[in-house]
Amino acid sequence: MKRLWIVVALAAGLTAVAQEVKNPATFVPEVARRAAAEGNEAFAKGDYDAARKAYQEVLRLVPDNLTGLVNLGVVEFRAGNIGEAEKVLKKTVGIRLETAPAWLTLGILYYEQNRMDEALPALAQAVLYDPTNARAHNYFGVVMGAKGWFDGAESELRRAVEIDPEYRDAHYNLAVLYMQRRPPAVELAKRHYFRSTELGAPPDPELEKRLKSASF
């Protein structure tokens, strides 16, 4: 599948830092919550060193805290420390298999590394444990498309826009997918492409040219 809005910057496509991972067995003291808040603020500013230190402090205070681990993994990913991010995220799902944000981050990490055979099961887990997460379905569909499994890709991308009708990335990806059919599903591609631009996706002159030529 053509890549443009398929995978976006994590700040737009993955917001694990703003999430609390459900882990009722763990008590989080107020001092750790304050450190987490400091980490979230630093992350939002793009200060990954400060965010890393804050999340490491959370983990010093509450070892194996799932939210702290996921957020640290996202920070390492954003900072380009792929090996460390993978290590932290694998540790997270080793502690609690159902930690969907960790699976989603791993799936995106593997996709960006072109490790499709690892991205696929990671994203399958993300969808399994968080079935109403539109981004997880979008990325799962993208990886299926990259593997050439177009029926599965369409199903996942359609599920993404069913969950979030204003998810521009998924609309764009559906447009690309429909233009890869033989023959292309031009009207469906147009519908999703123009919906994606209405929602703020930048125009794609190449895709627009293909849509126009296929209409005649």
N, C-alpha and C. Protein backbone atom coordinates (compact mmCIF):
# COMPACT_ATOMS: atom_id res chain seq x y z
N MET A 1 0.83 -1.19 0.00
CA MET A 1 0.00 0.00 0.00
C MET A 1 0.87 1.25 0.00
N LYS A 2 0.42 2.28 -0.69
CA LYS A 2 1.14 3.53 -0.68
C LYS A 2 1.15 4.12 0.71
N ARG A 3 2.27 4.71 1.11
CA ARG A 3 2.37 5.26 2.45
C ARG A 3 2.39 6.78 2.39
N LEU A 4 1.45 7.42 3.04
CA LEU A 4 1.52 8.85 3.28
C LEU A 4 0.99 9.11 4.67
N TRP A 5 -0.32 8.92 4.82
CA TRP A 5 -0.90 9.06 6.15
C TRP A 5 -1.07 7.71 6.82
N ILE A 6 -0.49 6.67 6.23
CA ILE A 6 -0.62 5.34 6.82
C ILE A 6 0.01 5.30 8.21
N VAL A 7 1.20 5.81 8.35
CA VAL A 7 1.82 5.91 9.65
C VAL A 7 2.24 7.35 9.84
N VAL A 8 1.73 7.98 10.88
CA VAL A 8 2.02 9.38 11.13
C VAL A 8 2.92 9.47 12.35
N ALA A 9 3.34 10.68 12.67
CA ALA A 9 4.15 10.88 13.87
C ALA A 9 3.39 10.37 15.08
N LEU A 10 4.11 9.80 16.01
CA LEU A 10 3.45 9.20 17.16
C LEU A 10 2.62 10.21 17.94
N ALA A 11 3.00 11.46 17.94
CA ALA A 11 2.21 12.44 18.68
C ALA A 11 0.79 12.50 18.17
N ALA A 12 0.58 12.23 16.87
CA ALA A 12 -0.77 12.23 16.31
C ALA A 12 -1.36 10.85 16.28
N GLY A 13 -0.52 9.84 16.09
CA GLY A 13 -1.04 8.50 15.88
C GLY A 13 -1.05 7.60 17.10
N LEU A 14 -0.36 7.99 18.15
CA LEU A 14 -0.28 7.13 19.32
C LEU A 14 -0.18 8.00 20.55
N THR A 15 -1.12 7.87 21.47
CA THR A 15 -1.18 8.75 22.62
C THR A 15 -1.09 7.96 23.91
N ALA A 16 -0.23 6.95 23.92
CA ALA A 16 -0.11 6.11 25.11
C ALA A 16 0.30 6.91 26.34
N VAL A 17 1.06 7.98 26.14
CA VAL A 17 1.52 8.77 27.27
C VAL A 17 0.37 9.38 28.04
N ALA A 18 -0.73 9.65 27.37
CA ALA A 18 -1.87 10.26 28.04
C ALA A 18 -2.80 9.23 28.65
N GLN A 19 -2.47 7.96 28.55
CA GLN A 19 -3.36 6.90 28.98
C GLN A 19 -2.93 6.30 30.31
N GLU A 20 -3.92 5.85 31.05
CA GLU A 20 -3.66 5.05 32.24
C GLU A 20 -3.93 3.60 31.87
N VAL A 21 -2.95 2.76 32.03
CA VAL A 21 -3.13 1.34 31.78
C VAL A 21 -3.80 0.73 33.00
N LYS A 22 -4.90 0.03 32.78
CA LYS A 22 -5.65 -0.54 33.89
C LYS A 22 -4.83 -1.65 34.56
N ASN A 23 -4.58 -1.47 35.83
CA ASN A 23 -3.84 -2.45 36.60
C ASN A 23 -4.27 -2.32 38.06
N PRO A 24 -5.48 -2.82 38.39
CA PRO A 24 -6.06 -2.59 39.70
C PRO A 24 -5.24 -3.13 40.85
N ALA A 25 -4.31 -4.03 40.59
CA ALA A 25 -3.53 -4.62 41.67
C ALA A 25 -2.42 -3.71 42.17
N THR A 26 -2.16 -2.62 41.43
CA THR A 26 -1.04 -1.75 41.77
C THR A 26 -1.53 -0.43 42.36
N PHE A 27 -1.08 -0.11 43.55
CA PHE A 27 -1.36 1.19 44.15
C PHE A 27 -0.28 2.17 43.69
N VAL A 28 -0.71 3.34 43.23
CA VAL A 28 0.23 4.35 42.75
C VAL A 28 0.20 5.53 43.71
N PRO A 29 1.28 5.76 44.48
CA PRO A 29 1.30 6.87 45.42
C PRO A 29 1.26 8.22 44.71
N GLU A 30 0.86 9.24 45.45
CA GLU A 30 0.70 10.57 44.87
C GLU A 30 2.01 11.09 44.27
N VAL A 31 3.14 10.80 44.91
CA VAL A 31 4.41 11.29 44.39
C VAL A 31 4.70 10.70 43.02
N ALA A 32 4.29 9.44 42.80
CA ALA A 32 4.49 8.82 41.49
C ALA A 32 3.55 9.43 40.46
N ARG A 33 2.34 9.76 40.89
CA ARG A 33 1.40 10.42 39.97
C ARG A 33 1.92 11.79 39.54
N ARG A 34 2.54 12.49 40.47
CA ARG A 34 3.11 13.79 40.12
C ARG A 34 4.27 13.62 39.13
N ALA A 35 5.08 12.61 39.34
CA ALA A 35 6.18 12.35 38.39
C ALA A 35 5.64 12.00 37.01
N ALA A 36 4.56 11.21 36.99
CA ALA A 36 3.95 10.85 35.71
C ALA A 36 3.41 12.09 35.00
N ALA A 37 2.79 12.98 35.76
CA ALA A 37 2.26 14.22 35.17
C ALA A 37 3.39 15.07 34.60
N GLU A 38 4.52 15.12 35.32
CA GLU A 38 5.68 15.85 34.82
C GLU A 38 6.19 15.22 33.52
N GLY A 39 6.19 13.89 33.49
CA GLY A 39 6.60 13.20 32.27
C GLY A 39 5.69 13.50 31.11
N ASN A 40 4.38 13.51 31.35
CA ASN A 40 3.42 13.80 30.30
C ASN A 40 3.62 15.21 29.74
N GLU A 41 3.86 16.16 30.66
CA GLU A 41 4.07 17.54 30.23
C GLU A 41 5.34 17.66 29.39
N ALA A 42 6.41 17.01 29.84
CA ALA A 42 7.67 17.06 29.09
C ALA A 42 7.51 16.41 27.73
N PHE A 43 6.79 15.28 27.69
CA PHE A 43 6.58 14.58 26.42
C PHE A 43 5.83 15.47 25.44
N ALA A 44 4.80 16.15 25.92
CA ALA A 44 4.00 17.03 25.06
C ALA A 44 4.85 18.15 24.47
N LYS A 45 5.89 18.56 25.19
CA LYS A 45 6.78 19.61 24.71
C LYS A 45 7.90 19.07 23.83
N GLY A 46 7.98 17.73 23.71
CA GLY A 46 9.05 17.14 22.93
C GLY A 46 10.37 17.03 23.68
N ASP A 47 10.32 17.21 25.00
CA ASP A 47 11.52 17.09 25.82
C ASP A 47 11.62 15.65 26.30
N TYR A 48 12.19 14.79 25.46
CA TYR A 48 12.21 13.37 25.75
C TYR A 48 13.15 13.00 26.88
N ASP A 49 14.22 13.77 27.06
CA ASP A 49 15.13 13.49 28.17
C ASP A 49 14.42 13.69 29.50
N ALA A 50 13.69 14.80 29.62
CA ALA A 50 12.96 15.07 30.86
C ALA A 50 11.84 14.06 31.06
N ALA A 51 11.16 13.71 29.97
CA ALA A 51 10.08 12.72 30.07
C ALA A 51 10.63 11.37 30.51
N ARG A 52 11.76 10.99 29.94
CA ARG A 52 12.39 9.71 30.31
C ARG A 52 12.72 9.68 31.81
N LYS A 53 13.32 10.76 32.30
CA LYS A 53 13.69 10.82 33.71
C LYS A 53 12.46 10.73 34.61
N ALA A 54 11.38 11.39 34.18
CA ALA A 54 10.16 11.38 34.99
C ALA A 54 9.55 9.98 35.04
N TYR A 55 9.51 9.31 33.91
CA TYR A 55 8.93 7.96 33.90
C TYR A 55 9.83 6.95 34.61
N GLN A 56 11.12 7.17 34.52
CA GLN A 56 12.03 6.31 35.28
C GLN A 56 11.83 6.51 36.78
N GLU A 57 11.50 7.74 37.19
CA GLU A 57 11.22 7.99 38.59
C GLU A 57 9.92 7.28 39.01
N VAL A 58 8.93 7.29 38.13
CA VAL A 58 7.70 6.53 38.41
C VAL A 58 8.04 5.08 38.67
N LEU A 59 8.88 4.51 37.84
CA LEU A 59 9.23 3.09 37.96
C LEU A 59 10.14 2.82 39.16
N ARG A 60 10.90 3.82 39.58
CA ARG A 60 11.68 3.66 40.82
C ARG A 60 10.74 3.57 42.02
N LEU A 61 9.70 4.40 41.98
CA LEU A 61 8.75 4.44 43.09
C LEU A 61 7.79 3.26 43.06
N VAL A 62 7.39 2.87 41.86
CA VAL A 62 6.44 1.77 41.69
C VAL A 62 6.99 0.83 40.62
N PRO A 63 7.90 -0.06 40.97
CA PRO A 63 8.50 -0.97 39.97
C PRO A 63 7.43 -1.74 39.21
N ASP A 64 7.66 -1.89 37.91
CA ASP A 64 6.77 -2.64 37.02
C ASP A 64 5.40 -1.99 36.86
N ASN A 65 5.30 -0.67 37.15
CA ASN A 65 4.05 0.04 36.87
C ASN A 65 3.81 0.05 35.37
N LEU A 66 2.67 -0.45 34.94
CA LEU A 66 2.42 -0.63 33.52
C LEU A 66 2.34 0.68 32.75
N THR A 67 1.66 1.67 33.33
CA THR A 67 1.58 2.96 32.65
C THR A 67 2.96 3.57 32.49
N GLY A 68 3.76 3.50 33.54
CA GLY A 68 5.12 4.03 33.45
C GLY A 68 5.95 3.32 32.40
N LEU A 69 5.82 2.01 32.32
CA LEU A 69 6.56 1.24 31.33
C LEU A 69 6.13 1.58 29.90
N VAL A 70 4.82 1.62 29.68
CA VAL A 70 4.33 1.95 28.33
C VAL A 70 4.82 3.34 27.93
N ASN A 71 4.67 4.30 28.84
CA ASN A 71 5.08 5.66 28.51
C ASN A 71 6.58 5.76 28.25
N LEU A 72 7.37 5.03 29.03
CA LEU A 72 8.81 5.02 28.80
C LEU A 72 9.12 4.40 27.44
N GLY A 73 8.41 3.34 27.09
CA GLY A 73 8.61 2.74 25.77
C GLY A 73 8.28 3.69 24.65
N VAL A 74 7.19 4.47 24.79
CA VAL A 74 6.83 5.44 23.76
C VAL A 74 7.90 6.53 23.66
N VAL A 75 8.39 7.00 24.80
CA VAL A 75 9.44 8.02 24.79
C VAL A 75 10.68 7.51 24.07
N GLU A 76 11.09 6.29 24.37
CA GLU A 76 12.28 5.75 23.71
C GLU A 76 12.06 5.62 22.21
N PHE A 77 10.85 5.24 21.83
CA PHE A 77 10.52 5.14 20.41
C PHE A 77 10.62 6.50 19.75
N ARG A 78 10.00 7.50 20.37
CA ARG A 78 10.03 8.85 19.80
C ARG A 78 11.45 9.39 19.73
N ALA A 79 12.27 8.99 20.70
CA ALA A 79 13.65 9.48 20.75
C ALA A 79 14.56 8.72 19.78
N GLY A 80 14.03 7.68 19.13
CA GLY A 80 14.80 6.92 18.17
C GLY A 80 15.60 5.78 18.77
N ASN A 81 15.36 5.48 20.03
CA ASN A 81 16.06 4.38 20.69
C ASN A 81 15.24 3.10 20.52
N ILE A 82 15.27 2.55 19.32
CA ILE A 82 14.37 1.46 18.96
C ILE A 82 14.60 0.22 19.80
N GLY A 83 15.85 -0.15 19.99
CA GLY A 83 16.14 -1.34 20.77
C GLY A 83 15.65 -1.23 22.20
N GLU A 84 15.87 -0.08 22.81
CA GLU A 84 15.43 0.12 24.19
C GLU A 84 13.91 0.16 24.27
N ALA A 85 13.28 0.80 23.29
CA ALA A 85 11.81 0.84 23.26
C ALA A 85 11.24 -0.56 23.18
N GLU A 86 11.79 -1.37 22.29
CA GLU A 86 11.31 -2.75 22.14
C GLU A 86 11.49 -3.53 23.43
N LYS A 87 12.63 -3.36 24.07
CA LYS A 87 12.91 -4.06 25.32
C LYS A 87 11.90 -3.70 26.40
N VAL A 88 11.62 -2.41 26.56
CA VAL A 88 10.69 -1.95 27.59
C VAL A 88 9.27 -2.44 27.30
N LEU A 89 8.87 -2.35 26.05
CA LEU A 89 7.50 -2.76 25.69
C LEU A 89 7.31 -4.26 25.81
N LYS A 90 8.33 -5.03 25.47
CA LYS A 90 8.24 -6.48 25.65
C LYS A 90 8.17 -6.83 27.14
N LYS A 91 8.88 -6.09 27.95
CA LYS A 91 8.80 -6.31 29.40
C LYS A 91 7.38 -6.04 29.88
N THR A 92 6.75 -4.99 29.33
CA THR A 92 5.40 -4.62 29.73
C THR A 92 4.41 -5.74 29.46
N VAL A 93 4.43 -6.28 28.24
CA VAL A 93 3.46 -7.35 27.93
C VAL A 93 3.84 -8.65 28.61
N GLY A 94 5.11 -8.76 29.01
CA GLY A 94 5.50 -9.93 29.79
C GLY A 94 4.91 -9.89 31.19
N ILE A 95 4.73 -8.69 31.71
CA ILE A 95 4.12 -8.53 33.03
C ILE A 95 2.60 -8.70 32.94
N ARG A 96 2.02 -8.09 31.93
CA ARG A 96 0.57 -8.20 31.76
C ARG A 96 0.27 -8.27 30.27
N LEU A 97 -0.10 -9.44 29.82
CA LEU A 97 -0.28 -9.70 28.40
C LEU A 97 -1.32 -8.78 27.76
N GLU A 98 -2.32 -8.38 28.53
CA GLU A 98 -3.43 -7.61 27.97
C GLU A 98 -3.15 -6.12 27.82
N THR A 99 -1.91 -5.69 27.97
CA THR A 99 -1.58 -4.27 27.90
C THR A 99 -1.59 -3.81 26.44
N ALA A 100 -2.78 -3.43 25.98
CA ALA A 100 -2.97 -3.10 24.56
C ALA A 100 -2.10 -1.96 24.06
N PRO A 101 -1.90 -0.84 24.81
CA PRO A 101 -1.04 0.23 24.29
C PRO A 101 0.38 -0.23 23.99
N ALA A 102 0.88 -1.17 24.78
CA ALA A 102 2.23 -1.69 24.51
C ALA A 102 2.26 -2.48 23.21
N TRP A 103 1.24 -3.30 22.98
CA TRP A 103 1.17 -4.06 21.73
C TRP A 103 1.06 -3.12 20.53
N LEU A 104 0.24 -2.07 20.67
CA LEU A 104 0.07 -1.12 19.57
C LEU A 104 1.39 -0.43 19.25
N THR A 105 2.09 0.02 20.28
CA THR A 105 3.37 0.68 20.05
C THR A 105 4.38 -0.27 19.42
N LEU A 106 4.42 -1.50 19.90
CA LEU A 106 5.30 -2.50 19.30
C LEU A 106 4.96 -2.72 17.82
N GLY A 107 3.67 -2.81 17.53
CA GLY A 107 3.26 -3.03 16.15
C GLY A 107 3.71 -1.91 15.23
N ILE A 108 3.56 -0.68 15.69
CA ILE A 108 3.99 0.47 14.88
C ILE A 108 5.51 0.48 14.75
N LEU A 109 6.19 0.18 15.84
CA LEU A 109 7.65 0.11 15.81
C LEU A 109 8.11 -0.90 14.76
N TYR A 110 7.53 -2.09 14.80
CA TYR A 110 7.92 -3.12 13.83
C TYR A 110 7.58 -2.71 12.41
N TYR A 111 6.42 -2.07 12.23
CA TYR A 111 6.03 -1.63 10.89
C TYR A 111 7.05 -0.62 10.35
N GLU A 112 7.42 0.34 11.17
CA GLU A 112 8.36 1.35 10.70
C GLU A 112 9.75 0.78 10.44
N GLN A 113 10.05 -0.36 11.06
CA GLN A 113 11.31 -1.05 10.81
C GLN A 113 11.18 -2.06 9.67
N ASN A 114 10.01 -2.08 9.03
CA ASN A 114 9.71 -3.02 7.95
C ASN A 114 9.79 -4.47 8.42
N ARG A 115 9.45 -4.70 9.68
CA ARG A 115 9.45 -6.05 10.25
C ARG A 115 8.00 -6.55 10.30
N MET A 116 7.44 -6.78 9.11
CA MET A 116 6.01 -7.05 9.00
C MET A 116 5.58 -8.32 9.71
N ASP A 117 6.42 -9.33 9.69
CA ASP A 117 6.05 -10.59 10.34
C ASP A 117 5.97 -10.46 11.85
N GLU A 118 6.61 -9.44 12.40
CA GLU A 118 6.50 -9.17 13.83
C GLU A 118 5.40 -8.15 14.11
N ALA A 119 5.20 -7.22 13.18
CA ALA A 119 4.15 -6.21 13.34
C ALA A 119 2.77 -6.86 13.36
N LEU A 120 2.57 -7.85 12.51
CA LEU A 120 1.25 -8.46 12.37
C LEU A 120 0.73 -9.05 13.67
N PRO A 121 1.47 -9.94 14.36
CA PRO A 121 0.94 -10.49 15.60
C PRO A 121 0.84 -9.46 16.72
N ALA A 122 1.73 -8.47 16.73
CA ALA A 122 1.65 -7.43 17.76
C ALA A 122 0.36 -6.64 17.61
N LEU A 123 0.02 -6.28 16.38
CA LEU A 123 -1.20 -5.51 16.15
C LEU A 123 -2.44 -6.37 16.33
N ALA A 124 -2.32 -7.65 16.04
CA ALA A 124 -3.44 -8.56 16.31
C ALA A 124 -3.75 -8.58 17.80
N GLN A 125 -2.72 -8.56 18.63
CA GLN A 125 -2.91 -8.50 20.08
C GLN A 125 -3.52 -7.16 20.50
N ALA A 126 -3.06 -6.08 19.87
CA ALA A 126 -3.61 -4.75 20.20
C ALA A 126 -5.10 -4.70 19.93
N VAL A 127 -5.52 -5.25 18.80
CA VAL A 127 -6.94 -5.27 18.44
C VAL A 127 -7.72 -6.20 19.37
N LEU A 128 -7.12 -7.33 19.71
CA LEU A 128 -7.78 -8.30 20.58
C LEU A 128 -8.08 -7.69 21.94
N TYR A 129 -7.10 -6.99 22.51
CA TYR A 129 -7.25 -6.48 23.87
C TYR A 129 -7.86 -5.08 23.94
N ASP A 130 -7.97 -4.41 22.80
CA ASP A 130 -8.64 -3.10 22.76
C ASP A 130 -9.42 -3.00 21.46
N PRO A 131 -10.52 -3.75 21.34
CA PRO A 131 -11.24 -3.87 20.06
C PRO A 131 -11.92 -2.59 19.59
N THR A 132 -12.06 -1.59 20.44
CA THR A 132 -12.68 -0.34 20.01
C THR A 132 -11.64 0.75 19.74
N ASN A 133 -10.38 0.39 19.60
CA ASN A 133 -9.33 1.35 19.31
C ASN A 133 -9.19 1.47 17.79
N ALA A 134 -9.63 2.60 17.26
CA ALA A 134 -9.61 2.79 15.80
C ALA A 134 -8.19 2.77 15.25
N ARG A 135 -7.24 3.32 15.96
CA ARG A 135 -5.85 3.36 15.46
C ARG A 135 -5.28 1.95 15.36
N ALA A 136 -5.61 1.11 16.31
CA ALA A 136 -5.11 -0.27 16.25
C ALA A 136 -5.64 -0.97 15.01
N HIS A 137 -6.93 -0.79 14.71
CA HIS A 137 -7.50 -1.39 13.50
C HIS A 137 -6.87 -0.80 12.24
N ASN A 138 -6.62 0.50 12.25
CA ASN A 138 -6.00 1.14 11.09
C ASN A 138 -4.62 0.55 10.80
N TYR A 139 -3.78 0.50 11.81
CA TYR A 139 -2.43 -0.02 11.60
C TYR A 139 -2.44 -1.51 11.27
N PHE A 140 -3.36 -2.24 11.88
CA PHE A 140 -3.49 -3.67 11.56
C PHE A 140 -3.87 -3.83 10.09
N GLY A 141 -4.79 -3.00 9.62
CA GLY A 141 -5.18 -3.04 8.21
C GLY A 141 -4.04 -2.68 7.28
N VAL A 142 -3.26 -1.69 7.68
CA VAL A 142 -2.12 -1.27 6.86
C VAL A 142 -1.12 -2.40 6.70
N VAL A 143 -0.82 -3.08 7.81
CA VAL A 143 0.14 -4.19 7.75
C VAL A 143 -0.42 -5.33 6.91
N MET A 144 -1.70 -5.61 7.05
CA MET A 144 -2.31 -6.64 6.19
C MET A 144 -2.18 -6.26 4.72
N GLY A 145 -2.41 -4.98 4.43
CA GLY A 145 -2.26 -4.52 3.05
C GLY A 145 -0.84 -4.68 2.55
N ALA A 146 0.13 -4.37 3.40
CA ALA A 146 1.53 -4.53 3.03
C ALA A 146 1.89 -5.98 2.76
N LYS A 147 1.17 -6.89 3.44
CA LYS A 147 1.38 -8.32 3.22
C LYS A 147 0.61 -8.84 2.01
N GLY A 148 -0.22 -7.99 1.42
CA GLY A 148 -1.00 -8.40 0.26
C GLY A 148 -2.33 -9.04 0.61
N TRP A 149 -2.76 -8.94 1.87
CA TRP A 149 -4.02 -9.53 2.32
C TRP A 149 -5.11 -8.46 2.27
N PHE A 150 -5.58 -8.17 1.07
CA PHE A 150 -6.41 -6.99 0.86
C PHE A 150 -7.81 -7.11 1.45
N ASP A 151 -8.38 -8.29 1.48
CA ASP A 151 -9.70 -8.43 2.11
C ASP A 151 -9.62 -8.14 3.60
N GLY A 152 -8.60 -8.68 4.24
CA GLY A 152 -8.41 -8.41 5.67
C GLY A 152 -8.11 -6.95 5.92
N ALA A 153 -7.29 -6.35 5.06
CA ALA A 153 -6.96 -4.93 5.19
C ALA A 153 -8.21 -4.08 5.10
N GLU A 154 -9.06 -4.37 4.12
CA GLU A 154 -10.29 -3.60 3.97
C GLU A 154 -11.17 -3.73 5.21
N SER A 155 -11.30 -4.94 5.72
CA SER A 155 -12.12 -5.17 6.90
C SER A 155 -11.63 -4.36 8.09
N GLU A 156 -10.33 -4.34 8.31
CA GLU A 156 -9.78 -3.61 9.46
C GLU A 156 -9.91 -2.10 9.27
N LEU A 157 -9.64 -1.61 8.07
CA LEU A 157 -9.74 -0.17 7.83
C LEU A 157 -11.19 0.31 7.92
N ARG A 158 -12.12 -0.49 7.42
CA ARG A 158 -13.53 -0.14 7.54
C ARG A 158 -13.95 -0.13 9.01
N ARG A 159 -13.42 -1.07 9.78
CA ARG A 159 -13.74 -1.08 11.20
C ARG A 159 -13.21 0.18 11.87
N ALA A 160 -12.05 0.65 11.45
CA ALA A 160 -11.47 1.87 12.03
C ALA A 160 -12.39 3.06 11.81
N VAL A 161 -12.94 3.22 10.60
CA VAL A 161 -13.81 4.37 10.35
C VAL A 161 -15.21 4.17 10.93
N GLU A 162 -15.59 2.93 11.18
CA GLU A 162 -16.85 2.70 11.88
C GLU A 162 -16.72 3.17 13.34
N ILE A 163 -15.59 2.88 13.94
CA ILE A 163 -15.34 3.30 15.32
C ILE A 163 -15.19 4.81 15.40
N ASP A 164 -14.43 5.36 14.48
CA ASP A 164 -14.17 6.81 14.45
C ASP A 164 -14.40 7.33 13.04
N PRO A 165 -15.62 7.79 12.73
CA PRO A 165 -15.92 8.25 11.37
C PRO A 165 -15.07 9.44 10.92
N GLU A 166 -14.41 10.12 11.84
CA GLU A 166 -13.59 11.28 11.48
C GLU A 166 -12.10 10.97 11.49
N TYR A 167 -11.77 9.71 11.38
CA TYR A 167 -10.37 9.28 11.39
C TYR A 167 -9.82 9.39 9.97
N ARG A 168 -9.17 10.51 9.70
CA ARG A 168 -8.77 10.82 8.32
C ARG A 168 -7.75 9.82 7.77
N ASP A 169 -6.83 9.34 8.62
CA ASP A 169 -5.81 8.41 8.14
C ASP A 169 -6.45 7.15 7.57
N ALA A 170 -7.45 6.63 8.28
CA ALA A 170 -8.10 5.40 7.83
C ALA A 170 -8.88 5.64 6.55
N HIS A 171 -9.52 6.80 6.42
CA HIS A 171 -10.22 7.13 5.18
C HIS A 171 -9.23 7.18 4.01
N TYR A 172 -8.10 7.83 4.23
CA TYR A 172 -7.09 7.90 3.18
C TYR A 172 -6.59 6.51 2.80
N ASN A 173 -6.33 5.69 3.80
CA ASN A 173 -5.82 4.35 3.52
C ASN A 173 -6.83 3.51 2.76
N LEU A 174 -8.11 3.69 3.07
CA LEU A 174 -9.15 2.99 2.31
C LEU A 174 -9.15 3.44 0.85
N ALA A 175 -8.96 4.74 0.63
CA ALA A 175 -8.91 5.24 -0.75
C ALA A 175 -7.76 4.59 -1.52
N VAL A 176 -6.60 4.52 -0.89
CA VAL A 176 -5.44 3.88 -1.53
C VAL A 176 -5.75 2.42 -1.81
N LEU A 177 -6.33 1.75 -0.83
CA LEU A 177 -6.64 0.33 -0.98
C LEU A 177 -7.61 0.07 -2.12
N TYR A 178 -8.66 0.90 -2.19
CA TYR A 178 -9.67 0.69 -3.23
C TYR A 178 -9.10 0.95 -4.63
N MET A 179 -8.11 1.83 -4.73
CA MET A 179 -7.48 2.06 -6.03
C MET A 179 -6.54 0.93 -6.41
N GLN A 180 -6.22 0.05 -5.47
CA GLN A 180 -5.36 -1.09 -5.78
C GLN A 180 -6.17 -2.31 -6.23
N ARG A 181 -7.48 -2.22 -6.14
CA ARG A 181 -8.30 -3.32 -6.64
C ARG A 181 -8.16 -3.42 -8.16
N ARG A 182 -8.44 -4.58 -8.69
CA ARG A 182 -8.45 -4.78 -10.14
C ARG A 182 -9.80 -5.34 -10.56
N PRO A 183 -10.67 -4.51 -11.19
CA PRO A 183 -10.47 -3.08 -11.48
C PRO A 183 -10.61 -2.23 -10.21
N PRO A 184 -10.10 -1.00 -10.26
CA PRO A 184 -10.19 -0.14 -9.07
C PRO A 184 -11.65 0.17 -8.72
N ALA A 185 -11.92 0.28 -7.42
CA ALA A 185 -13.25 0.70 -6.95
C ALA A 185 -13.21 2.22 -6.83
N VAL A 186 -13.36 2.88 -7.98
CA VAL A 186 -13.09 4.32 -8.07
C VAL A 186 -14.03 5.14 -7.18
N GLU A 187 -15.32 4.84 -7.22
CA GLU A 187 -16.26 5.65 -6.45
C GLU A 187 -16.02 5.52 -4.95
N LEU A 188 -15.72 4.31 -4.51
CA LEU A 188 -15.41 4.13 -3.09
C LEU A 188 -14.12 4.86 -2.73
N ALA A 189 -13.13 4.78 -3.61
CA ALA A 189 -11.86 5.48 -3.37
C ALA A 189 -12.09 6.98 -3.29
N LYS A 190 -12.89 7.52 -4.20
CA LYS A 190 -13.18 8.96 -4.18
C LYS A 190 -13.85 9.36 -2.88
N ARG A 191 -14.83 8.57 -2.48
CA ARG A 191 -15.58 8.90 -1.27
C ARG A 191 -14.65 9.02 -0.06
N HIS A 192 -13.76 8.04 0.08
CA HIS A 192 -12.88 8.06 1.25
C HIS A 192 -11.75 9.07 1.11
N TYR A 193 -11.24 9.26 -0.10
CA TYR A 193 -10.18 10.24 -0.28
C TYR A 193 -10.68 11.64 0.04
N PHE A 194 -11.82 12.02 -0.54
CA PHE A 194 -12.30 13.38 -0.32
C PHE A 194 -12.79 13.57 1.11
N ARG A 195 -13.25 12.50 1.74
CA ARG A 195 -13.58 12.61 3.16
C ARG A 195 -12.32 12.85 3.98
N SER A 196 -11.21 12.21 3.61
CA SER A 196 -9.96 12.41 4.36
C SER A 196 -9.48 13.86 4.22
N THR A 197 -9.60 14.44 3.04
CA THR A 197 -9.18 15.83 2.87
C THR A 197 -10.11 16.79 3.58
N GLU A 198 -11.40 16.47 3.62
CA GLU A 198 -12.34 17.29 4.39
C GLU A 198 -11.96 17.32 5.86
N LEU A 199 -11.40 16.21 6.33
CA LEU A 199 -11.02 16.09 7.73
C LEU A 199 -9.63 16.63 8.01
N GLY A 200 -8.95 17.15 6.98
CA GLY A 200 -7.67 17.80 7.21
C GLY A 200 -6.45 17.13 6.64
N ALA A 201 -6.62 15.99 5.98
CA ALA A 201 -5.46 15.35 5.35
C ALA A 201 -4.99 16.21 4.17
N PRO A 202 -3.69 16.31 3.96
CA PRO A 202 -3.20 17.12 2.84
C PRO A 202 -3.55 16.47 1.51
N PRO A 203 -3.77 17.28 0.48
CA PRO A 203 -4.07 16.71 -0.84
C PRO A 203 -2.95 15.83 -1.35
N ASP A 204 -3.32 14.82 -2.11
CA ASP A 204 -2.35 13.91 -2.72
C ASP A 204 -2.53 14.03 -4.24
N PRO A 205 -1.73 14.88 -4.89
CA PRO A 205 -1.91 15.11 -6.33
C PRO A 205 -1.83 13.83 -7.16
N GLU A 206 -0.94 12.92 -6.78
CA GLU A 206 -0.80 11.67 -7.54
C GLU A 206 -2.07 10.84 -7.47
N LEU A 207 -2.62 10.70 -6.26
CA LEU A 207 -3.86 9.93 -6.11
C LEU A 207 -5.01 10.63 -6.80
N GLU A 208 -5.08 11.94 -6.72
CA GLU A 208 -6.14 12.69 -7.39
C GLU A 208 -6.07 12.48 -8.91
N LYS A 209 -4.86 12.45 -9.44
CA LYS A 209 -4.68 12.21 -10.88
C LYS A 209 -5.19 10.84 -11.26
N ARG A 210 -4.89 9.84 -10.44
CA ARG A 210 -5.35 8.47 -10.72
C ARG A 210 -6.87 8.38 -10.62
N LEU A 211 -7.44 9.05 -9.64
CA LEU A 211 -8.90 9.05 -9.50
C LEU A 211 -9.57 9.70 -10.71
N LYS A 212 -8.98 10.78 -11.17
CA LYS A 212 -9.56 11.51 -12.30
C LYS A 212 -9.46 10.68 -13.58
N SER A 213 -8.30 10.09 -13.83
CA SER A 213 -8.11 9.30 -15.05
C SER A 213 -8.95 8.04 -15.04
N ALA A 214 -9.17 7.46 -13.87
CA ALA A 214 -9.96 6.24 -13.77
C ALA A 214 -11.45 6.49 -13.93
N SER A 215 -11.85 7.78 -13.85
CA SER A 215 -13.26 8.12 -13.95
C SER A 215 -13.73 8.17 -15.40
N PHE A 216 -12.79 8.16 -16.32
CA PHE A 216 -13.17 8.26 -17.75
C PHE A 216 -13.07 6.89 -18.44
